[in-house]
Amino acid sequence: MLLTIDTRDPRPIYQQVADGIKELIAQGELKAGTPLPPVRQLAADLGVNLNTIATAYRELQKDGLLSVKHGSGSVVASRTAAERSEGELLRPLRTALTQLVLAGLPSNEILDIVARELRTVTKGNE
């Protein structure tokens, strides 16, 4: 599993880890049932504190993306869009779009950005 930490990124490290795993799931590189590295191993691989990875895994579990079984590890959960309401799915998109609008980007540029990012996120799923 290829994850990187960017010390210049304003997001907390646990969020970078969680977002990186989300991207790997979205891209189809981590499929349902795929085991994730143990917390200790991933923390050592990334050179971060155990609690940082544990927090990332808890966030992913809370989001329904991981199934954690104490003693046997964490696996990517089987999940469909039907399990989440449309409002729940759209909330982070609306937040991101609002930030782009507030940054002064014109609508056509925002649409280009969204289309480019969608292609990036879905590569391997098409």
Protein backbone atom coordinates (compact mmCIF):
# COMPACT_ATOMS: atom_id res chain seq x y z
CA MET A 1 0.00 0.00 0.00
CA LEU A 2 1.54 3.25 -1.14
CA LEU A 3 0.88 6.16 1.21
CA THR A 4 2.94 9.27 1.67
CA ILE A 5 2.93 11.96 4.32
CA ASP A 6 3.47 15.58 3.30
CA THR A 7 4.81 17.68 6.16
CA ARG A 8 3.74 20.86 4.31
CA ASP A 9 0.13 19.66 4.10
CA PRO A 10 -2.00 21.57 6.62
CA ARG A 11 -4.15 18.47 7.29
CA PRO A 12 -3.25 16.41 10.36
CA ILE A 13 -1.21 13.30 9.58
CA TYR A 14 -4.04 10.94 10.58
CA GLN A 15 -6.28 12.73 8.05
CA GLN A 16 -3.65 12.39 5.32
CA VAL A 17 -3.46 8.66 6.05
CA ALA A 18 -7.25 8.26 6.08
CA ASP A 19 -7.63 10.29 2.87
CA GLY A 20 -4.87 8.26 1.20
CA ILE A 21 -6.61 5.00 2.06
CA LYS A 22 -9.93 6.44 0.84
CA GLU A 23 -8.29 7.28 -2.50
CA LEU A 24 -6.87 3.75 -2.81
CA ILE A 25 -10.34 2.32 -2.12
CA ALA A 26 -11.98 4.70 -4.61
CA GLN A 27 -9.40 3.83 -7.28
CA GLY A 28 -10.04 0.14 -6.78
CA GLU A 29 -6.51 -0.55 -5.55
CA LEU A 30 -7.97 -1.69 -2.22
CA LYS A 31 -11.04 -3.85 -2.75
CA ALA A 32 -13.60 -5.08 -0.23
CA GLY A 33 -12.08 -7.73 2.01
CA THR A 34 -8.50 -6.57 1.46
CA PRO A 35 -6.61 -6.62 4.76
CA LEU A 36 -4.82 -3.44 5.77
CA PRO A 37 -1.40 -3.48 7.40
CA PRO A 38 -1.44 -3.69 11.19
CA VAL A 39 -1.32 -0.32 12.95
CA ARG A 40 2.22 -0.95 14.22
CA GLN A 41 3.53 -1.89 10.79
CA LEU A 42 1.99 1.07 8.96
CA ALA A 43 3.16 3.46 11.69
CA ALA A 44 6.71 2.11 11.35
CA ASP A 45 6.56 2.24 7.53
CA LEU A 46 5.43 5.88 7.59
CA GLY A 47 7.56 6.90 10.57
CA VAL A 48 4.61 8.15 12.59
CA ASN A 49 3.13 7.45 16.02
CA LEU A 50 0.93 4.37 16.49
CA ASN A 51 -1.90 6.56 17.74
CA THR A 52 -1.87 8.49 14.47
CA ILE A 53 -2.58 5.36 12.43
CA ALA A 54 -5.08 4.09 15.02
CA THR A 55 -6.96 7.39 14.71
CA ALA A 56 -6.97 7.14 10.90
CA TYR A 57 -8.31 3.58 11.08
CA ARG A 58 -11.01 4.65 13.57
CA GLU A 59 -12.09 7.46 11.22
CA LEU A 60 -12.30 5.01 8.32
CA GLN A 61 -14.25 2.58 10.47
CA LYS A 62 -16.64 5.37 11.52
CA ASP A 63 -17.13 6.18 7.82
CA GLY A 64 -17.96 2.52 7.16
CA LEU A 65 -14.91 1.97 4.96
CA LEU A 66 -13.07 -0.41 7.31
CA SER A 67 -14.14 -3.35 9.35
CA VAL A 68 -11.93 -3.70 12.42
CA LYS A 69 -11.74 -6.98 14.28
CA HIS A 70 -9.57 -6.71 17.35
CA GLY A 71 -6.88 -9.36 17.22
CA SER A 72 -7.35 -10.14 13.54
CA GLY A 73 -6.83 -6.73 11.98
CA SER A 74 -8.63 -4.35 9.67
CA VAL A 75 -10.10 -5.09 6.26
CA VAL A 76 -11.73 -2.90 3.63
CA ALA A 77 -15.48 -3.10 4.24
CA SER A 78 -17.99 -4.05 1.61
CA ARG A 79 -20.11 -1.00 1.03
CA THR A 80 -22.55 0.39 -1.48
CA ALA A 81 -23.71 3.94 -2.09
CA ALA A 82 -27.22 2.83 -1.14
CA GLU A 83 -26.05 2.52 2.47
CA ARG A 84 -25.50 6.28 2.65
CA SER A 85 -28.04 9.00 2.05
CA GLU A 86 -27.56 11.33 -0.88
CA GLY A 87 -27.17 14.27 1.50
CA GLU A 88 -24.43 12.45 3.39
CA LEU A 89 -22.61 11.70 0.13
CA LEU A 90 -22.96 15.24 -1.22
CA ARG A 91 -21.98 17.14 1.94
CA PRO A 92 -18.17 16.98 1.41
CA LEU A 93 -18.59 17.78 -2.30
CA ARG A 94 -20.68 20.85 -1.49
CA THR A 95 -18.05 21.98 1.02
CA ALA A 96 -15.25 21.61 -1.53
CA LEU A 97 -17.26 23.43 -4.22
CA THR A 98 -18.02 26.25 -1.79
CA GLN A 99 -14.29 26.64 -1.08
CA LEU A 100 -13.54 26.83 -4.80
CA VAL A 101 -16.24 29.46 -5.35
CA LEU A 102 -15.01 31.49 -2.35
CA ALA A 103 -11.49 31.30 -3.82
CA GLY A 104 -12.86 33.21 -6.80
CA LEU A 105 -12.64 30.48 -9.42
CA PRO A 106 -15.10 30.75 -12.31
CA SER A 107 -17.68 27.96 -12.77
CA ASN A 108 -16.10 26.59 -15.94
CA GLU A 109 -12.72 26.24 -14.19
CA ILE A 110 -14.37 24.52 -11.23
CA LEU A 111 -16.07 22.08 -13.59
CA ASP A 112 -12.71 21.33 -15.25
CA ILE A 113 -11.14 20.71 -11.84
CA VAL A 114 -13.98 18.41 -10.77
CA ALA A 115 -13.84 16.45 -14.04
CA ARG A 116 -10.05 16.06 -13.79
CA GLU A 117 -10.22 14.91 -10.17
CA LEU A 118 -13.04 12.50 -10.95
CA ARG A 119 -10.91 10.91 -13.68
CA THR A 120 -8.03 10.61 -11.22
CA VAL A 121 -10.16 9.08 -8.48
CA THR A 122 -11.95 6.61 -10.74
CA LYS A 123 -8.94 5.40 -12.72
CA GLY A 124 -8.91 1.65 -12.47
CA ASN A 125 -12.67 1.50 -11.82
CA GLU A 126 -13.70 2.06 -15.40
